[in-house]
Each structure stands twice: as C-alpha cells, then as structure tokens.
C-alpha cells in the first residue's frame, strides 16, 4: 500500500513552475478539456447555503497513533507529508463515503500576496494546505482516480501571523532534511487535528479535480472559511526548498479555472431562494390585465 501511495501522491501535489514547459498553459488532456477543473475562485455571494453540509467525523486525527511514522519528501514541486492508509479517516460533511487520508502537501507563492490555489472573491492567500483522502470503497488511491467520488480534499488557507505555529513546526522542521528534490526523511507521527482550523463548521463545497496532471475530475473539495496562521519565518522555510541546485520552489499553484456551471455550496449563511410565486399573485395580475382591457374597450366604444 505504501508503494502504491508513493506512486500516485505526486499526481496530487503542486507543480514547480520554475520551467515554463512544465507550466499549466502546456497541460493537455483533461487538464485542458475538462469541465470540472480546480482550483476555482470562491464567490462568496454566489455560494448557496446547504443544510446537509454538517460536521465532519475525523477518525484518529486527534490522537498520536503508536507505531505510525510520517514521511516528508521534496518531490521538486512541494513539501509532501505522507503516511499509510486506513489510519486516519474522514466522513460526514455530506461526503459521498468514508475516505482515508494518505497525505498532505502545501502550495505557496514567491511573496505574501499570492500562493494559495483557491481564491476567495478574487483574493489570494500566501499559502494553502491540502489534506488528501481517497474513498475506502476503492482498493487504493490509483483506483479511485477514474471515479467522481474517488477523492476528498480538505483545503485550508494559510496566513502570516505574529508568532511561530508550534503545530506546523512539527513538520516544517523537517525541511532542513529535504531541502533538495528527491530528499526524504521519516519522523514520528503527530496530531493532525492541530493543523486544521479551530472552527471547522464553516466551509465551501464543490466538485472538482486534481490541480496537476492528469487533472482527474475525482475530487469532492472542502475549503474552510477559517484560516490558520504561521510565522513569516516558517513561510520563508517553505520558499527555501529547492527545485534544483539553483532554483527555489515558489509559485507552485495552478491558476483558478472556470466554474463551468458548477454550484458552489456553503455550510453557513442564509438560504438563497427566489421570491415565492403564488397562484393568488398570478390571478391578481391576470385580473388587472382584464380590467385594463375592459377600460380600453369602453373608452373606444364611447368615443
């Protein structure tokens, strides 16, 4: 299972855009022709409240599992932390199944004005972290890719705060061991819940895709409204990672994609509905029209 995971997680992590030929503009296949591509701009005014978007059940996220290790890797595109399947599970939140989390990775920008993959009302955050899970109805992550319910990704925006984030420090400290492409290191597992926003009840939901080739349209996206904060020094640690001997990994995000008629939903806010139309209202309008016609006919007759 671990080997299968390592084979496919590279499809989900971000891509370094240091070389133009590797950039999104040159991606073909579903990346170019798909109608449910990610990331997207989250238009908060257009998001429809959905009462079915309730709380999540996160199994083992709040515990440290004995004998479980994490692997940090610089794959030339991002910092990726991976682990065995069937340890951490996600369900609820109107997800179409039970999903097992197998890795998380990050996207960040060259400066603090860009870096997140998703945008909110056109605004970018300095970074974004993705927790990737596949549906347990499929044997592994590779088998899940052809299916619309194959993957679930939890996305969290990252802002710069005044102090160091002690929880993110637990994996960011591994960067010194994975500075160059191909480097990896194993370290002890820690509590994943601490990496998520304190308030997980407010989130956006839409059907989408992987944000790198093959851009499989297999992802149920959850993007939390609340953010987490790390220090400027911690963000700079990410920017120090190397694509090769001379180039740093920066701007490893895909530009937002067209919504293509998809409905953005939200777990919070007031329901957005059209004004009610009643038969009484229709009858009143018809009677008014009839009255106007009668008055016109009467005026014409007496004239």
Protein backbone atom coordinates (compact mmCIF):
# COMPACT_ATOMS: atom_id res chain seq x y z
CA UNK A 1 0.00 0.00 0.00
CA UNK A 2 2.80 2.41 0.85
CA UNK A 3 4.41 1.87 -2.58
CA UNK A 4 1.09 2.48 -4.33
CA UNK A 5 0.67 5.65 -2.33
CA UNK A 6 4.07 6.99 -3.27
CA UNK A 7 3.34 6.24 -6.91
CA UNK A 8 0.21 8.36 -7.03
CA UNK A 9 0.64 11.18 -4.50
CA UNK A 10 2.84 13.00 -6.98
CA UNK A 11 -0.28 13.48 -9.11
CA UNK A 12 -1.93 15.49 -6.36
CA UNK A 13 0.89 17.71 -5.13
CA UNK A 14 1.63 21.07 -6.71
CA UNK A 15 3.97 21.64 -9.65
CA UNK A 16 7.02 23.88 -9.63
CA UNK A 17 6.67 26.45 -12.37
CA UNK A 18 10.37 27.28 -12.50
CA UNK A 19 10.50 25.86 -16.02
CA UNK A 20 7.95 27.26 -18.46
CA UNK A 21 7.47 23.98 -20.26
CA UNK A 22 6.13 22.43 -17.06
CA UNK A 23 3.54 25.14 -16.51
CA UNK A 24 -0.27 24.75 -16.64
CA UNK A 25 -0.51 26.52 -20.01
CA UNK A 26 1.10 23.45 -21.59
CA UNK A 27 -1.01 20.80 -19.89
CA UNK A 28 -3.19 18.77 -22.22
CA UNK A 29 -5.80 16.06 -21.86
CA UNK A 30 -8.45 16.56 -19.20
CA UNK A 31 -6.44 19.49 -17.82
CA UNK A 32 -7.34 21.40 -20.98
CA UNK A 33 -10.71 19.88 -21.89
CA UNK A 34 -12.28 19.13 -18.51
CA UNK A 35 -15.38 20.93 -17.27
CA UNK A 36 -14.84 20.38 -13.53
CA UNK A 37 -11.31 21.65 -13.06
CA UNK A 38 -9.70 23.00 -9.92
CA UNK A 39 -8.85 25.32 -8.30
CA UNK A 40 -11.58 27.93 -8.63
CA UNK A 41 -12.42 31.36 -7.30
CA UNK A 42 -14.88 31.10 -4.42
CA UNK A 43 -17.56 33.72 -4.99
CA UNK A 44 -19.00 34.04 -1.50
CA UNK A 45 -22.06 35.96 -2.71
CA UNK A 46 -22.99 33.16 -5.12
CA UNK A 47 -22.41 30.29 -2.68
CA UNK A 48 -25.68 28.56 -1.82
CA UNK A 49 -26.30 27.54 1.78
CA UNK A 50 -26.79 23.78 2.12
CA UNK A 51 -28.08 22.42 5.42
CA UNK A 52 -26.69 18.98 4.54
CA UNK A 53 -23.15 20.27 4.98
CA UNK A 54 -22.85 19.31 8.61
CA UNK A 55 -19.88 18.42 10.80
CA UNK A 56 -17.07 16.03 9.90
CA UNK A 57 -16.08 12.81 11.62
CA UNK A 58 -12.29 12.68 11.73
CA UNK A 59 -11.05 9.32 12.97
CA UNK A 60 -7.66 9.36 14.75
CA UNK A 61 -6.96 12.95 13.67
CA UNK A 62 -6.84 13.97 17.33
CA UNK A 63 -4.60 11.14 18.53
CA UNK A 64 -1.00 10.08 18.10
CA UNK A 65 -1.03 6.57 16.69
CA UNK A 66 1.58 4.21 18.13
CA UNK A 67 3.94 2.79 15.54
CA UNK A 68 2.84 5.22 12.82
CA UNK A 69 5.52 7.28 11.07
CA UNK A 70 5.26 10.15 8.62
CA UNK A 71 7.46 10.63 5.57
CA UNK A 72 8.43 14.11 4.44
CA UNK A 73 9.59 14.47 0.84
CA UNK A 74 10.73 17.18 -1.54
CA UNK A 75 9.48 15.90 -4.89
CA UNK A 76 10.57 19.02 -6.73
CA UNK A 77 7.09 20.51 -6.51
CA UNK A 78 6.19 20.79 -2.86
CA UNK A 79 6.72 19.58 0.68
CA UNK A 80 4.62 16.43 0.98
CA UNK A 81 3.95 14.52 4.19
CA UNK A 82 2.63 11.01 3.53
CA UNK A 83 1.58 8.06 5.68
CA UNK A 84 -0.12 4.69 5.41
CA UNK A 85 -3.79 4.42 4.53
CA UNK A 86 -6.57 3.28 6.88
CA UNK A 87 -5.13 5.10 9.86
CA UNK A 88 -6.83 8.50 9.51
CA UNK A 89 -10.37 8.57 8.11
CA UNK A 90 -12.74 11.37 7.12
CA UNK A 91 -16.53 11.14 6.77
CA UNK A 92 -19.60 13.26 7.40
CA UNK A 93 -19.93 16.74 5.97
CA UNK A 94 -22.15 15.23 3.25
CA UNK A 95 -19.15 13.47 1.74
CA UNK A 96 -20.19 10.55 -0.50
CA UNK A 97 -18.45 7.89 1.55
CA UNK A 98 -15.71 7.23 4.07
CA UNK A 99 -12.29 8.49 2.99
CA UNK A 100 -8.87 7.55 4.28
CA UNK A 101 -6.29 10.31 4.47
CA UNK A 102 -2.92 9.43 2.99
CA UNK A 103 -1.01 12.70 2.71
CA UNK A 104 -0.97 16.45 2.97
CA UNK A 105 1.03 18.98 1.00
CA UNK A 106 1.27 22.73 0.54
CA UNK A 107 1.17 25.43 -2.14
CA UNK A 108 2.82 28.80 -1.66
CA UNK A 109 3.90 31.92 -3.51
CA UNK A 110 7.01 33.97 -4.07
CA UNK A 111 5.59 36.70 -1.83
CA UNK A 112 2.78 37.12 0.69
CA UNK A 113 0.32 38.39 -1.91
CA UNK A 114 -0.04 35.08 -3.74
CA UNK A 115 0.38 31.36 -3.22
CA UNK A 116 -2.98 29.76 -2.48
CA UNK A 117 -4.62 27.70 -5.20
CA UNK A 118 -8.17 28.73 -4.43
CA UNK A 119 -9.08 32.38 -4.20
CA UNK A 120 -11.91 34.00 -2.24
CA UNK A 121 -13.70 36.80 -4.06
CA UNK A 122 -10.56 37.18 -6.13
CA UNK A 123 -8.18 37.37 -3.16
CA UNK A 124 -5.22 35.01 -2.76
CA UNK A 125 -3.61 33.88 0.49
CA UNK A 126 0.15 33.34 0.94
CA UNK A 127 -0.27 29.57 1.12
CA UNK A 128 -2.75 26.70 1.19
CA UNK A 129 -2.53 23.22 2.68
CA UNK A 130 -4.39 20.20 1.28
CA UNK A 131 -5.28 17.01 3.14
CA UNK A 132 -5.81 14.27 0.55
CA UNK A 133 -8.02 11.23 1.15
CA UNK A 134 -9.39 8.52 -1.11
CA UNK A 135 -12.69 6.68 -0.88
CA UNK A 136 -12.34 3.41 1.05
CA UNK A 137 -14.71 1.71 -1.43
CA UNK A 138 -11.69 1.60 -3.77
CA UNK A 139 -8.59 -0.52 -3.07
CA UNK A 140 -6.08 2.33 -3.38
CA UNK A 141 -5.69 5.91 -4.50
CA UNK A 142 -4.85 4.96 -8.05
CA UNK A 143 -8.09 3.03 -8.46
CA UNK A 144 -10.05 5.98 -7.09
CA UNK A 145 -8.92 8.46 -9.77
CA UNK A 146 -11.38 7.48 -12.55
CA UNK A 147 -14.39 7.97 -10.24
CA UNK A 148 -16.19 11.22 -9.39
CA UNK A 149 -16.41 10.16 -5.74
CA UNK A 150 -12.83 8.90 -5.65
CA UNK A 151 -11.10 11.63 -3.65
CA UNK A 152 -11.90 14.12 -0.92
CA UNK A 153 -9.55 17.02 -0.24
CA UNK A 154 -9.72 19.35 2.75
CA UNK A 155 -8.21 22.73 1.90
CA UNK A 156 -7.08 25.30 4.45
CA UNK A 157 -5.82 28.81 3.72
CA UNK A 158 -2.63 29.87 5.49
CA UNK A 159 -1.96 33.43 6.63
CA UNK A 160 1.12 35.03 8.19
CA UNK A 161 0.83 35.59 11.91
CA UNK A 162 2.96 37.29 14.51
CA UNK A 163 4.22 34.14 16.20
CA UNK A 164 5.50 30.71 15.28
CA UNK A 165 2.90 27.98 14.87
CA UNK A 166 4.05 25.20 17.18
CA UNK A 167 1.87 22.61 15.46
CA UNK A 168 3.14 23.34 11.96
CA UNK A 169 6.65 23.39 13.34
CA UNK A 170 6.40 19.63 13.82
CA UNK A 171 6.68 19.05 10.08
CA UNK A 172 8.23 22.29 8.87
CA UNK A 173 11.33 21.48 10.91
CA UNK A 174 11.84 18.53 8.53
CA UNK A 175 12.61 20.94 5.66
CA UNK A 176 16.27 21.02 6.63
CA UNK A 177 16.37 17.29 5.83
CA UNK A 178 14.53 17.56 2.50
CA UNK A 179 15.94 20.76 1.05
CA UNK A 180 16.67 19.31 -2.40
CA UNK A 181 14.50 17.46 -4.90
CA UNK A 182 14.37 13.76 -4.13
CA UNK A 183 15.27 14.14 -0.44
CA UNK A 184 13.03 12.36 2.05
CA UNK A 185 13.04 11.67 5.76
CA UNK A 186 10.90 9.69 8.21
CA UNK A 187 9.76 11.05 11.55
CA UNK A 188 7.23 10.30 14.30
CA UNK A 189 3.53 10.89 13.74
CA UNK A 190 1.77 13.78 15.44
CA UNK A 191 -1.75 15.09 15.96
CA UNK A 192 -3.25 16.07 12.58
CA UNK A 193 -6.22 17.89 14.12
CA UNK A 194 -3.91 20.69 15.28
CA UNK A 195 -3.17 21.58 11.65
CA UNK A 196 -6.83 22.31 10.87
CA UNK A 197 -8.82 25.45 11.76
CA UNK A 198 -10.34 25.51 15.23
CA UNK A 199 -13.75 26.16 13.69
CA UNK A 200 -14.47 23.52 11.05
CA UNK A 201 -18.20 24.18 10.77
CA UNK A 202 -17.83 26.91 8.12
CA UNK A 203 -16.71 25.65 4.73
CA UNK A 204 -17.34 25.72 0.99
CA UNK A 205 -18.02 22.65 -1.14
CA UNK A 206 -17.83 21.95 -4.86
CA UNK A 207 -16.98 19.08 -7.27
CA UNK A 208 -13.56 19.46 -8.87
CA UNK A 209 -10.29 17.88 -9.88
CA UNK A 210 -6.67 17.34 -9.09
CA UNK A 211 -4.77 20.58 -9.63
CA UNK A 212 -1.93 18.88 -11.55
CA UNK A 213 -1.88 16.35 -14.41
CA UNK A 214 -3.75 14.18 -15.05
CA UNK A 215 -6.28 16.64 -13.52
CA UNK A 216 -8.71 13.79 -12.83
CA UNK A 217 -12.17 15.11 -12.02
CA UNK A 218 -12.45 12.88 -8.97
CA UNK A 219 -12.32 15.36 -6.08
CA UNK A 220 -15.00 16.46 -3.66
CA UNK A 221 -13.47 19.73 -2.47
CA UNK A 222 -13.92 21.20 1.00
CA UNK A 223 -12.35 24.62 1.53
CA UNK A 224 -12.60 26.00 5.05
CA UNK A 225 -13.62 29.59 5.64
CA UNK A 226 -11.41 29.98 8.72
CA UNK A 227 -7.65 30.12 8.21
CA UNK A 228 -4.55 29.04 10.13
CA UNK A 229 -1.52 31.20 10.74
CA UNK A 230 2.20 30.51 10.60
CA UNK A 231 5.08 32.92 11.10
CA UNK A 232 6.89 34.73 8.32
CA UNK A 233 9.99 32.69 9.13
CA UNK A 234 8.05 29.45 8.72
CA UNK A 235 6.67 30.55 5.35
CA UNK A 236 10.18 31.50 4.26
CA UNK A 237 11.31 27.98 5.15
CA UNK A 238 8.94 26.63 2.51
CA UNK A 239 10.29 29.11 -0.02
CA UNK A 240 13.82 27.93 0.71
CA UNK A 241 13.15 24.45 -0.68
CA UNK A 242 14.96 23.73 -3.93
CA UNK A 243 13.60 22.61 -7.29
CA UNK A 244 17.19 22.07 -8.40
CA UNK A 245 20.61 23.33 -7.31
CA UNK A 246 19.84 26.92 -8.24
CA UNK A 247 16.06 27.39 -8.29
CA UNK A 248 13.71 27.53 -5.33
CA UNK A 249 10.23 26.03 -5.28
CA UNK A 250 7.88 29.01 -5.40
CA UNK A 251 4.52 29.80 -7.00
CA UNK A 252 3.62 26.11 -7.06
CA UNK A 253 -0.06 26.77 -7.58
CA UNK A 254 -2.36 26.35 -10.57
CA UNK A 255 -4.35 29.41 -11.69
CA UNK A 256 -8.10 29.34 -11.00
CA UNK A 257 -10.25 27.55 -13.55
CA UNK A 258 -13.70 28.36 -14.99
CA UNK A 259 -16.63 27.31 -12.84
CA UNK A 260 -18.45 25.89 -15.91
CA UNK A 261 -21.90 25.95 -14.34
CA UNK A 262 -20.94 24.19 -11.12
CA UNK A 263 -22.80 25.20 -7.96
CA UNK A 264 -20.69 26.44 -5.07
CA UNK A 265 -22.24 25.44 -1.74
CA UNK A 266 -21.60 26.71 1.77
CA UNK A 267 -22.24 25.19 5.19
CA UNK A 268 -23.14 28.59 6.62
CA UNK A 269 -25.16 31.68 5.74
CA UNK A 270 -28.79 32.25 4.88
CA UNK A 271 -30.57 30.20 2.22
CA UNK A 272 -30.72 32.00 -1.14
CA UNK A 273 -34.10 31.47 -2.82
CA UNK A 274 -36.18 33.15 -5.49
CA UNK A 275 -39.17 35.23 -4.30
CA UNK A 276 -42.20 32.96 -3.96
CA UNK A 277 -44.73 32.96 -6.78
CA UNK A 278 -48.32 32.15 -5.71
CA UNK A 279 -51.40 31.37 -7.75
CA UNK A 280 -53.13 34.27 -5.98
CA UNK A 281 -50.46 36.60 -7.27
CA UNK A 282 -50.84 35.26 -10.81
CA UNK A 283 -54.63 35.59 -10.64
CA UNK A 284 -54.30 39.17 -9.41
CA UNK A 285 -52.02 40.06 -12.33
CA UNK A 286 -54.43 38.49 -14.83
CA UNK A 287 -57.43 40.31 -13.36
CA UNK A 288 -55.58 43.59 -13.60
CA UNK A 289 -54.85 42.96 -17.29
CA UNK A 290 -58.51 42.07 -17.96
CA UNK A 291 -59.67 45.24 -16.18
CA UNK A 292 -57.30 47.37 -18.26
CA UNK A 293 -58.58 45.81 -21.49
CA UNK A 294 -62.19 46.44 -20.46
CA UNK A 295 -61.46 50.07 -19.75
CA UNK A 296 -59.75 50.46 -23.13
CA UNK A 297 -62.69 48.82 -24.93
CA UNK A 298 -65.18 51.02 -23.09
CA UNK A 299 -63.24 54.15 -23.97
CA UNK A 300 -63.10 53.11 -27.62
CA UNK A 301 -66.86 52.32 -27.68
CA UNK A 302 -67.99 55.65 -26.24
CA UNK A 303 -65.53 57.54 -28.39
